[in-house]
PDB file of N, CA and C in Angstrom:
ATOM      1  N   MET A   1      -8.348  41.450  79.496  1.00  0.00           N
ATOM      2  CA  MET A   1      -7.010  41.926  79.743  1.00  0.00           C
ATOM      3  C   MET A   1      -7.070  43.370  80.231  1.00  0.00           C
ATOM      4  N   ASP A   2      -6.517  43.596  81.349  1.00  0.00           N
ATOM      5  CA  ASP A   2      -6.570  44.945  81.904  1.00  0.00           C
ATOM      6  C   ASP A   2      -5.281  45.729  81.678  1.00  0.00           C
ATOM      7  N   ASN A   3      -4.303  45.161  80.978  1.00  0.00           N
ATOM      8  CA  ASN A   3      -3.058  45.882  80.739  1.00  0.00           C
ATOM      9  C   ASN A   3      -2.934  46.375  79.296  1.00  0.00           C
ATOM     10  N   ILE A   4      -4.057  46.388  78.557  1.00  0.00           N
ATOM     11  CA  ILE A   4      -4.060  46.877  77.183  1.00  0.00           C
ATOM     12  C   ILE A   4      -4.924  48.128  77.124  1.00  0.00           C
ATOM     13  N   VAL A   5      -4.351  49.182  76.572  1.00  0.00           N
ATOM     14  CA  VAL A   5      -5.067  50.441  76.451  1.00  0.00           C
ATOM     15  C   VAL A   5      -4.908  50.930  75.011  1.00  0.00           C
ATOM     16  N   ALA A   6      -6.019  51.227  74.358  1.00  0.00           N
ATOM     17  CA  ALA A   6      -5.964  51.762  72.994  1.00  0.00           C
ATOM     18  C   ALA A   6      -5.741  53.266  73.068  1.00  0.00           C
ATOM     19  N   GLU A   7      -4.784  53.752  72.272  1.00  0.00           N
ATOM     20  CA  GLU A   7      -4.479  55.181  72.232  1.00  0.00           C
ATOM     21  C   GLU A   7      -4.208  55.592  70.798  1.00  0.00           C
ATOM     22  N   VAL A   8      -4.469  56.830  70.484  1.00  0.00           N
ATOM     23  CA  VAL A   8      -4.132  57.410  69.192  1.00  0.00           C
ATOM     24  C   VAL A   8      -2.885  58.259  69.399  1.00  0.00           C
ATOM     25  N   ALA A   9      -1.876  58.044  68.544  1.00  0.00           N
ATOM     26  CA  ALA A   9      -0.623  58.792  68.689  1.00  0.00           C
ATOM     27  C   ALA A   9       0.003  58.997  67.326  1.00  0.00           C
ATOM     28  N   ASN A  10       0.898  59.953  67.240  1.00  0.00           N
ATOM     29  CA  ASN A  10       1.631  60.262  66.031  1.00  0.00           C
ATOM     30  C   ASN A  10       2.806  59.286  65.910  1.00  0.00           C
ATOM     31  N   ALA A  11       2.893  58.565  64.804  1.00  0.00           N
ATOM     32  CA  ALA A  11       3.957  57.565  64.616  1.00  0.00           C
ATOM     33  C   ALA A  11       5.350  58.185  64.602  1.00  0.00           C
ATOM     34  N   TYR A  12       5.432  59.482  64.383  1.00  0.00           N
ATOM     35  CA  TYR A  12       6.721  60.160  64.331  1.00  0.00           C
ATOM     36  C   TYR A  12       7.158  60.712  65.686  1.00  0.00           C
ATOM     37  N   LYS A  13       6.235  60.775  66.634  1.00  0.00           N
ATOM     38  CA  LYS A  13       6.551  61.331  67.953  1.00  0.00           C
ATOM     39  C   LYS A  13       5.637  60.651  68.980  1.00  0.00           C
ATOM     40  N   LEU A  14       5.971  59.408  69.293  1.00  0.00           N
ATOM     41  CA  LEU A  14       5.148  58.636  70.224  1.00  0.00           C
ATOM     42  C   LEU A  14       5.314  59.162  71.646  1.00  0.00           C
ATOM     43  N   PRO A  15       4.211  59.289  72.392  1.00  0.00           N
ATOM     44  CA  PRO A  15       4.273  59.865  73.738  1.00  0.00           C
ATOM     45  C   PRO A  15       4.665  58.840  74.807  1.00  0.00           C
ATOM     46  N   TYR A  16       5.758  58.126  74.570  1.00  0.00           N
ATOM     47  CA  TYR A  16       6.192  57.080  75.488  1.00  0.00           C
ATOM     48  C   TYR A  16       7.681  57.215  75.767  1.00  0.00           C
ATOM     49  N   GLU A  17       8.086  56.632  76.871  1.00  0.00           N
ATOM     50  CA  GLU A  17       9.494  56.637  77.250  1.00  0.00           C
ATOM     51  C   GLU A  17      10.310  55.757  76.296  1.00  0.00           C
ATOM     52  N   ASN A  18      11.612  55.925  76.325  1.00  0.00           N
ATOM     53  CA  ASN A  18      12.517  55.068  75.559  1.00  0.00           C
ATOM     54  C   ASN A  18      12.475  53.643  76.107  1.00  0.00           C
ATOM     55  N   ASN A  19      12.648  52.671  75.225  1.00  0.00           N
ATOM     56  CA  ASN A  19      12.801  51.255  75.614  1.00  0.00           C
ATOM     57  C   ASN A  19      11.689  50.757  76.537  1.00  0.00           C
ATOM     58  N   ILE A  20      10.437  51.056  76.191  1.00  0.00           N
ATOM     59  CA  ILE A  20       9.327  50.691  77.081  1.00  0.00           C
ATOM     60  C   ILE A  20       8.512  49.491  76.576  1.00  0.00           C
ATOM     61  N   PHE A  21       8.471  49.269  75.259  1.00  0.00           N
ATOM     62  CA  PHE A  21       7.611  48.222  74.706  1.00  0.00           C
ATOM     63  C   PHE A  21       8.383  46.968  74.316  1.00  0.00           C
ATOM     64  N   ASP A  22       7.740  45.824  74.517  1.00  0.00           N
ATOM     65  CA  ASP A  22       8.274  44.542  74.065  1.00  0.00           C
ATOM     66  C   ASP A  22       7.921  44.281  72.601  1.00  0.00           C
ATOM     67  N   LEU A  23       6.806  44.870  72.138  1.00  0.00           N
ATOM     68  CA  LEU A  23       6.265  44.523  70.820  1.00  0.00           C
ATOM     69  C   LEU A  23       5.527  45.709  70.203  1.00  0.00           C
ATOM     70  N   ILE A  24       5.750  45.898  68.917  1.00  0.00           N
ATOM     71  CA  ILE A  24       4.918  46.763  68.079  1.00  0.00           C
ATOM     72  C   ILE A  24       4.395  45.865  66.974  1.00  0.00           C
ATOM     73  N   TYR A  25       3.073  45.830  66.794  1.00  0.00           N
ATOM     74  CA  TYR A  25       2.462  44.953  65.809  1.00  0.00           C
ATOM     75  C   TYR A  25       1.525  45.761  64.925  1.00  0.00           C
ATOM     76  N   MET A  26       1.767  45.722  63.628  1.00  0.00           N
ATOM     77  CA  MET A  26       0.958  46.474  62.664  1.00  0.00           C
ATOM     78  C   MET A  26       0.385  45.522  61.622  1.00  0.00           C
ATOM     79  N   ILE A  27      -0.880  45.712  61.301  1.00  0.00           N
ATOM     80  CA  ILE A  27      -1.535  44.924  60.262  1.00  0.00           C
ATOM     81  C   ILE A  27      -1.987  45.886  59.165  1.00  0.00           C
ATOM     82  N   ALA A  28      -1.413  45.737  57.971  1.00  0.00           N
ATOM     83  CA  ALA A  28      -1.748  46.556  56.804  1.00  0.00           C
ATOM     84  C   ALA A  28      -1.622  48.052  57.119  1.00  0.00           C
ATOM     85  N   VAL A  29      -0.537  48.418  57.798  1.00  0.00           N
ATOM     86  CA  VAL A  29      -0.333  49.803  58.213  1.00  0.00           C
ATOM     87  C   VAL A  29       0.927  50.417  57.619  1.00  0.00           C
ATOM     88  N   PHE A  30       1.989  49.664  57.492  1.00  0.00           N
ATOM     89  CA  PHE A  30       3.301  50.236  57.184  1.00  0.00           C
ATOM     90  C   PHE A  30       3.281  51.120  55.936  1.00  0.00           C
ATOM     91  N   ASN A  31       2.651  50.687  54.866  1.00  0.00           N
ATOM     92  CA  ASN A  31       2.629  51.483  53.634  1.00  0.00           C
ATOM     93  C   ASN A  31       1.701  52.690  53.719  1.00  0.00           C
ATOM     94  N   GLU A  32       0.951  52.796  54.799  1.00  0.00           N
ATOM     95  CA  GLU A  32       0.092  53.966  55.011  1.00  0.00           C
ATOM     96  C   GLU A  32       0.870  55.106  55.664  1.00  0.00           C
ATOM     97  N   ILE A  33       2.061  54.826  56.161  1.00  0.00           N
ATOM     98  CA  ILE A  33       2.875  55.830  56.846  1.00  0.00           C
ATOM     99  C   ILE A  33       3.712  56.568  55.797  1.00  0.00           C
ATOM    100  N   PRO A  34       3.490  57.880  55.609  1.00  0.00           N
ATOM    101  CA  PRO A  34       4.219  58.621  54.571  1.00  0.00           C
ATOM    102  C   PRO A  34       5.742  58.639  54.767  1.00  0.00           C
ATOM    103  N   ASP A  35       6.214  58.900  55.968  1.00  0.00           N
ATOM    104  CA  ASP A  35       7.655  58.958  56.227  1.00  0.00           C
ATOM    105  C   ASP A  35       8.042  57.730  57.053  1.00  0.00           C
ATOM    106  N   GLN A  36       8.229  56.621  56.360  1.00  0.00           N
ATOM    107  CA  GLN A  36       8.482  55.354  57.043  1.00  0.00           C
ATOM    108  C   GLN A  36       9.805  55.366  57.803  1.00  0.00           C
ATOM    109  N   GLU A  37      10.802  56.033  57.276  1.00  0.00           N
ATOM    110  CA  GLU A  37      12.103  56.092  57.951  1.00  0.00           C
ATOM    111  C   GLU A  37      11.985  56.802  59.298  1.00  0.00           C
ATOM    112  N   LYS A  38      11.252  57.892  59.324  1.00  0.00           N
ATOM    113  CA  LYS A  38      11.048  58.636  60.574  1.00  0.00           C
ATOM    114  C   LYS A  38      10.285  57.777  61.590  1.00  0.00           C
ATOM    115  N   ALA A  39       9.286  57.047  61.115  1.00  0.00           N
ATOM    116  CA  ALA A  39       8.520  56.167  62.000  1.00  0.00           C
ATOM    117  C   ALA A  39       9.388  55.018  62.521  1.00  0.00           C
ATOM    118  N   LEU A  40      10.236  54.447  61.665  1.00  0.00           N
ATOM    119  CA  LEU A  40      11.113  53.359  62.096  1.00  0.00           C
ATOM    120  C   LEU A  40      12.085  53.824  63.181  1.00  0.00           C
ATOM    121  N   LYS A  41      12.573  55.039  63.072  1.00  0.00           N
ATOM    122  CA  LYS A  41      13.440  55.590  64.120  1.00  0.00           C
ATOM    123  C   LYS A  41      12.685  55.670  65.449  1.00  0.00           C
ATOM    124  N   GLU A  42      11.436  56.085  65.369  1.00  0.00           N
ATOM    125  CA  GLU A  42      10.627  56.210  66.584  1.00  0.00           C
ATOM    126  C   GLU A  42      10.279  54.831  67.154  1.00  0.00           C
ATOM    127  N   PHE A  43       9.972  53.870  66.298  1.00  0.00           N
ATOM    128  CA  PHE A  43       9.712  52.499  66.768  1.00  0.00           C
ATOM    129  C   PHE A  43      10.941  51.952  67.483  1.00  0.00           C
ATOM    130  N   ASN A  44      12.104  52.210  66.905  1.00  0.00           N
ATOM    131  CA  ASN A  44      13.352  51.760  67.520  1.00  0.00           C
ATOM    132  C   ASN A  44      13.516  52.396  68.908  1.00  0.00           C
ATOM    133  N   ARG A  45      13.176  53.654  69.023  1.00  0.00           N
ATOM    134  CA  ARG A  45      13.329  54.365  70.296  1.00  0.00           C
ATOM    135  C   ARG A  45      12.468  53.754  71.403  1.00  0.00           C
ATOM    136  N   VAL A  46      11.217  53.424  71.101  1.00  0.00           N
ATOM    137  CA  VAL A  46      10.302  52.960  72.153  1.00  0.00           C
ATOM    138  C   VAL A  46      10.389  51.459  72.419  1.00  0.00           C
ATOM    139  N   LEU A  47      10.995  50.692  71.505  1.00  0.00           N
ATOM    140  CA  LEU A  47      11.136  49.251  71.732  1.00  0.00           C
ATOM    141  C   LEU A  47      12.309  48.961  72.670  1.00  0.00           C
ATOM    142  N   LYS A  48      12.107  47.985  73.537  1.00  0.00           N
ATOM    143  CA  LYS A  48      13.183  47.515  74.404  1.00  0.00           C
ATOM    144  C   LYS A  48      14.242  46.808  73.561  1.00  0.00           C
ATOM    145  N   PRO A  49      15.467  46.677  74.062  1.00  0.00           N
ATOM    146  CA  PRO A  49      16.448  45.839  73.366  1.00  0.00           C
ATOM    147  C   PRO A  49      15.876  44.428  73.160  1.00  0.00           C
ATOM    148  N   LYS A  50      16.054  43.896  71.993  1.00  0.00           N
ATOM    149  CA  LYS A  50      15.500  42.596  71.587  1.00  0.00           C
ATOM    150  C   LYS A  50      13.979  42.644  71.431  1.00  0.00           C
ATOM    151  N   GLY A  51      13.386  43.862  71.469  1.00  0.00           N
ATOM    152  CA  GLY A  51      11.952  44.015  71.244  1.00  0.00           C
ATOM    153  C   GLY A  51      11.590  43.639  69.815  1.00  0.00           C
ATOM    154  N   LEU A  52      10.329  43.318  69.587  1.00  0.00           N
ATOM    155  CA  LEU A  52       9.875  42.845  68.284  1.00  0.00           C
ATOM    156  C   LEU A  52       9.045  43.890  67.552  1.00  0.00           C
ATOM    157  N   LEU A  53       9.322  44.029  66.275  1.00  0.00           N
ATOM    158  CA  LEU A  53       8.523  44.829  65.360  1.00  0.00           C
ATOM    159  C   LEU A  53       7.921  43.831  64.377  1.00  0.00           C
ATOM    160  N   VAL A  54       6.607  43.679  64.416  1.00  0.00           N
ATOM    161  CA  VAL A  54       5.935  42.665  63.602  1.00  0.00           C
ATOM    162  C   VAL A  54       4.947  43.360  62.670  1.00  0.00           C
ATOM    163  N   MET A  55       5.011  42.991  61.393  1.00  0.00           N
ATOM    164  CA  MET A  55       4.152  43.594  60.374  1.00  0.00           C
ATOM    165  C   MET A  55       3.486  42.509  59.551  1.00  0.00           C
ATOM    166  N   SER A  56       2.177  42.641  59.381  1.00  0.00           N
ATOM    167  CA  SER A  56       1.434  41.727  58.519  1.00  0.00           C
ATOM    168  C   SER A  56       0.822  42.520  57.375  1.00  0.00           C
ATOM    169  N   GLU A  57       0.813  41.922  56.195  1.00  0.00           N
ATOM    170  CA  GLU A  57       0.247  42.566  55.009  1.00  0.00           C
ATOM    171  C   GLU A  57      -0.580  41.554  54.221  1.00  0.00           C
ATOM    172  N   LEU A  58      -1.600  42.060  53.524  1.00  0.00           N
ATOM    173  CA  LEU A  58      -2.513  41.241  52.725  1.00  0.00           C
ATOM    174  C   LEU A  58      -2.573  41.798  51.314  1.00  0.00           C
ATOM    175  N   LEU A  59      -2.564  40.932  50.319  1.00  0.00           N
ATOM    176  CA  LEU A  59      -2.591  41.358  48.925  1.00  0.00           C
ATOM    177  C   LEU A  59      -3.825  42.197  48.613  1.00  0.00           C
ATOM    178  N   MET A  60      -4.941  41.949  49.282  1.00  0.00           N
ATOM    179  CA  MET A  60      -6.168  42.692  48.975  1.00  0.00           C
ATOM    180  C   MET A  60      -6.097  44.160  49.402  1.00  0.00           C
ATOM    181  N   ASP A  61      -5.093  44.546  50.180  1.00  0.00           N
ATOM    182  CA  ASP A  61      -4.887  45.938  50.554  1.00  0.00           C
ATOM    183  C   ASP A  61      -4.382  46.691  49.319  1.00  0.00           C
ATOM    184  N   THR A  62      -4.996  47.806  48.994  1.00  0.00           N
ATOM    185  CA  THR A  62      -4.603  48.558  47.794  1.00  0.00           C
ATOM    186  C   THR A  62      -3.186  49.116  47.894  1.00  0.00           C
ATOM    187  N   ASP A  63      -2.641  49.235  49.094  1.00  0.00           N
ATOM    188  CA  ASP A  63      -1.269  49.711  49.282  1.00  0.00           C
ATOM    189  C   ASP A  63      -0.318  48.579  49.655  1.00  0.00           C
ATOM    190  N   TYR A  64      -0.606  47.379  49.181  1.00  0.00           N
ATOM    191  CA  TYR A  64       0.177  46.188  49.514  1.00  0.00           C
ATOM    192  C   TYR A  64       1.638  46.341  49.083  1.00  0.00           C
ATOM    193  N   PRO A  65       2.582  46.242  50.040  1.00  0.00           N
ATOM    194  CA  PRO A  65       3.996  46.276  49.674  1.00  0.00           C
ATOM    195  C   PRO A  65       4.555  44.857  49.554  1.00  0.00           C
ATOM    196  N   LEU A  66       5.462  44.667  48.642  1.00  0.00           N
ATOM    197  CA  LEU A  66       6.137  43.373  48.552  1.00  0.00           C
ATOM    198  C   LEU A  66       6.972  43.161  49.816  1.00  0.00           C
ATOM    199  N   SER A  67       7.042  41.929  50.273  1.00  0.00           N
ATOM    200  CA  SER A  67       7.777  41.645  51.509  1.00  0.00           C
ATOM    201  C   SER A  67       9.241  42.027  51.395  1.00  0.00           C
ATOM    202  N   ARG A  68       9.850  41.796  50.245  1.00  0.00           N
ATOM    203  CA  ARG A  68      11.272  42.130  50.093  1.00  0.00           C
ATOM    204  C   ARG A  68      11.511  43.632  50.222  1.00  0.00           C
ATOM    205  N   THR A  69      10.540  44.441  49.805  1.00  0.00           N
ATOM    206  CA  THR A  69      10.644  45.898  49.943  1.00  0.00           C
ATOM    207  C   THR A  69      10.604  46.299  51.407  1.00  0.00           C
ATOM    208  N   VAL A  70       9.687  45.714  52.142  1.00  0.00           N
ATOM    209  CA  VAL A  70       9.571  46.012  53.579  1.00  0.00           C
ATOM    210  C   VAL A  70      10.826  45.550  54.311  1.00  0.00           C
ATOM    211  N   ILE A  71      11.286  44.365  54.011  1.00  0.00           N
ATOM    212  CA  ILE A  71      12.493  43.830  54.663  1.00  0.00           C
ATOM    213  C   ILE A  71      13.674  44.761  54.424  1.00  0.00           C
ATOM    214  N   ARG A  72      13.866  45.187  53.196  1.00  0.00           N
ATOM    215  CA  ARG A  72      14.987  46.077  52.865  1.00  0.00           C
ATOM    216  C   ARG A  72      14.897  47.387  53.658  1.00  0.00           C
ATOM    217  N   LYS A  73      13.717  47.979  53.730  1.00  0.00           N
ATOM    218  CA  LYS A  73      13.547  49.243  54.456  1.00  0.00           C
ATOM    219  C   LYS A  73      13.802  49.070  55.949  1.00  0.00           C
ATOM    220  N   VAL A  74      13.192  48.051  56.522  1.00  0.00           N
ATOM    221  CA  VAL A  74      13.278  47.869  57.978  1.00  0.00           C
ATOM    222  C   VAL A  74      14.692  47.475  58.386  1.00  0.00           C
ATOM    223  N   GLU A  75      15.343  46.620  57.608  1.00  0.00           N
ATOM    224  CA  GLU A  75      16.702  46.195  57.969  1.00  0.00           C
ATOM    225  C   GLU A  75      17.741  47.293  57.761  1.00  0.00           C
ATOM    226  N   SER A  76      17.375  48.390  57.107  1.00  0.00           N
ATOM    227  CA  SER A  76      18.306  49.509  56.992  1.00  0.00           C
ATOM    228  C   SER A  76      18.401  50.277  58.313  1.00  0.00           C
ATOM    229  N   PHE A  77      17.543  49.923  59.264  1.00  0.00           N
ATOM    230  CA  PHE A  77      17.585  50.455  60.625  1.00  0.00           C
ATOM    231  C   PHE A  77      18.101  49.334  61.522  1.00  0.00           C
ATOM    232  N   PRO A  78      18.293  49.567  62.787  1.00  0.00           N
ATOM    233  CA  PRO A  78      18.842  48.482  63.612  1.00  0.00           C
ATOM    234  C   PRO A  78      17.804  47.407  63.961  1.00  0.00           C
ATOM    235  N   PHE A  79      17.214  46.810  62.924  1.00  0.00           N
ATOM    236  CA  PHE A  79      16.294  45.689  63.080  1.00  0.00           C
ATOM    237  C   PHE A  79      16.800  44.529  62.232  1.00  0.00           C
ATOM    238  N   LYS A  80      16.565  43.314  62.715  1.00  0.00           N
ATOM    239  CA  LYS A  80      16.989  42.113  61.988  1.00  0.00           C
ATOM    240  C   LYS A  80      15.773  41.208  61.787  1.00  0.00           C
ATOM    241  N   LEU A  81      15.554  40.768  60.560  1.00  0.00           N
ATOM    242  CA  LEU A  81      14.457  39.839  60.278  1.00  0.00           C
ATOM    243  C   LEU A  81      14.751  38.511  60.956  1.00  0.00           C
ATOM    244  N   ILE A  82      13.826  38.037  61.785  1.00  0.00           N
ATOM    245  CA  ILE A  82      14.029  36.747  62.443  1.00  0.00           C
ATOM    246  C   ILE A  82      13.020  35.687  62.000  1.00  0.00           C
ATOM    247  N   GLU A  83      11.924  36.133  61.348  1.00  0.00           N
ATOM    248  CA  GLU A  83      10.953  35.149  60.869  1.00  0.00           C
ATOM    249  C   GLU A  83      10.057  35.770  59.808  1.00  0.00           C
ATOM    250  N   LYS A  84       9.748  34.972  58.783  1.00  0.00           N
ATOM    251  CA  LYS A  84       8.771  35.350  57.761  1.00  0.00           C
ATOM    252  C   LYS A  84       7.763  34.213  57.661  1.00  0.00           C
ATOM    253  N   ILE A  85       6.506  34.561  57.765  1.00  0.00           N
ATOM    254  CA  ILE A  85       5.415  33.581  57.703  1.00  0.00           C
ATOM    255  C   ILE A  85       4.505  33.986  56.552  1.00  0.00           C
ATOM    256  N   GLY A  86       3.987  33.012  55.810  1.00  0.00           N
ATOM    257  CA  GLY A  86       3.032  33.309  54.760  1.00  0.00           C
ATOM    258  C   GLY A  86       3.596  33.090  53.378  1.00  0.00           C
ATOM    259  N   ASN A  87       3.025  33.815  52.417  1.00  0.00           N
ATOM    260  CA  ASN A  87       3.410  33.673  51.013  1.00  0.00           C
ATOM    261  C   ASN A  87       3.174  35.011  50.316  1.00  0.00           C
ATOM    262  N   PHE A  88       3.063  34.995  48.992  1.00  0.00           N
ATOM    263  CA  PHE A  88       2.867  36.233  48.243  1.00  0.00           C
ATOM    264  C   PHE A  88       1.554  36.931  48.607  1.00  0.00           C
ATOM    265  N   PHE A  89       0.509  36.173  48.890  1.00  0.00           N
ATOM    266  CA  PHE A  89      -0.833  36.730  49.114  1.00  0.00           C
ATOM    267  C   PHE A  89      -1.013  37.353  50.498  1.00  0.00           C
ATOM    268  N   TYR A  90      -0.286  36.869  51.460  1.00  0.00           N
ATOM    269  CA  TYR A  90      -0.298  37.443  52.805  1.00  0.00           C
ATOM    270  C   TYR A  90       1.009  37.043  53.479  1.00  0.00           C
ATOM    271  N   TYR A  91       1.481  37.887  54.339  1.00  0.00           N
ATOM    272  CA  TYR A  91       2.705  37.542  55.061  1.00  0.00           C
ATOM    273  C   TYR A  91       2.768  38.297  56.382  1.00  0.00           C
ATOM    274  N   THR A  92       3.572  37.752  57.264  1.00  0.00           N
ATOM    275  CA  THR A  92       3.916  38.408  58.523  1.00  0.00           C
ATOM    276  C   THR A  92       5.433  38.378  58.634  1.00  0.00           C
ATOM    277  N   LEU A  93       6.005  39.533  58.933  1.00  0.00           N
ATOM    278  CA  LEU A  93       7.449  39.661  59.111  1.00  0.00           C
ATOM    279  C   LEU A  93       7.720  40.011  60.565  1.00  0.00           C
ATOM    280  N   LYS A  94       8.628  39.277  61.164  1.00  0.00           N
ATOM    281  CA  LYS A  94       9.000  39.531  62.562  1.00  0.00           C
ATOM    282  C   LYS A  94      10.447  39.985  62.605  1.00  0.00           C
ATOM    283  N   PHE A  95      10.647  41.213  63.070  1.00  0.00           N
ATOM    284  CA  PHE A  95      11.975  41.804  63.189  1.00  0.00           C
ATOM    285  C   PHE A  95      12.324  41.959  64.669  1.00  0.00           C
ATOM    286  N   GLU A  96      13.589  41.838  64.978  1.00  0.00           N
ATOM    287  CA  GLU A  96      14.058  42.057  66.344  1.00  0.00           C
ATOM    288  C   GLU A  96      14.947  43.297  66.367  1.00  0.00           C
ATOM    289  N   LYS A  97      14.764  44.121  67.383  1.00  0.00           N
ATOM    290  CA  LYS A  97      15.625  45.299  67.555  1.00  0.00           C
ATOM    291  C   LYS A  97      17.014  44.823  67.936  1.00  0.00           C
ATOM    292  N   GLU A  98      18.015  45.298  67.205  1.00  0.00           N
ATOM    293  CA  GLU A  98      19.395  44.883  67.497  1.00  0.00           C
ATOM    294  C   GLU A  98      20.014  45.765  68.538  1.00  0.00           C
TER     295      GLU A  98
END
């Protein structure tokens, strides 16, 4: 794939234009972000309308958050849960930008 580029960036101030991404996908990352509200605002800024914010978590992660906690935090921003896959031990949450 020639349209994927790995970059390091600050989750609070992403170096991208508004409404540029179709998808943000994080695996065992969300609870590692100290100011999750600030990061969610930035994710909202760079996602296109109807863009997807997808988060996966595993129980073996020492910072494992309960899915209901993540859902409550993310839905307090203009995101809507559209799918939950998995169970208590692992899950993936798919949110759509409203």
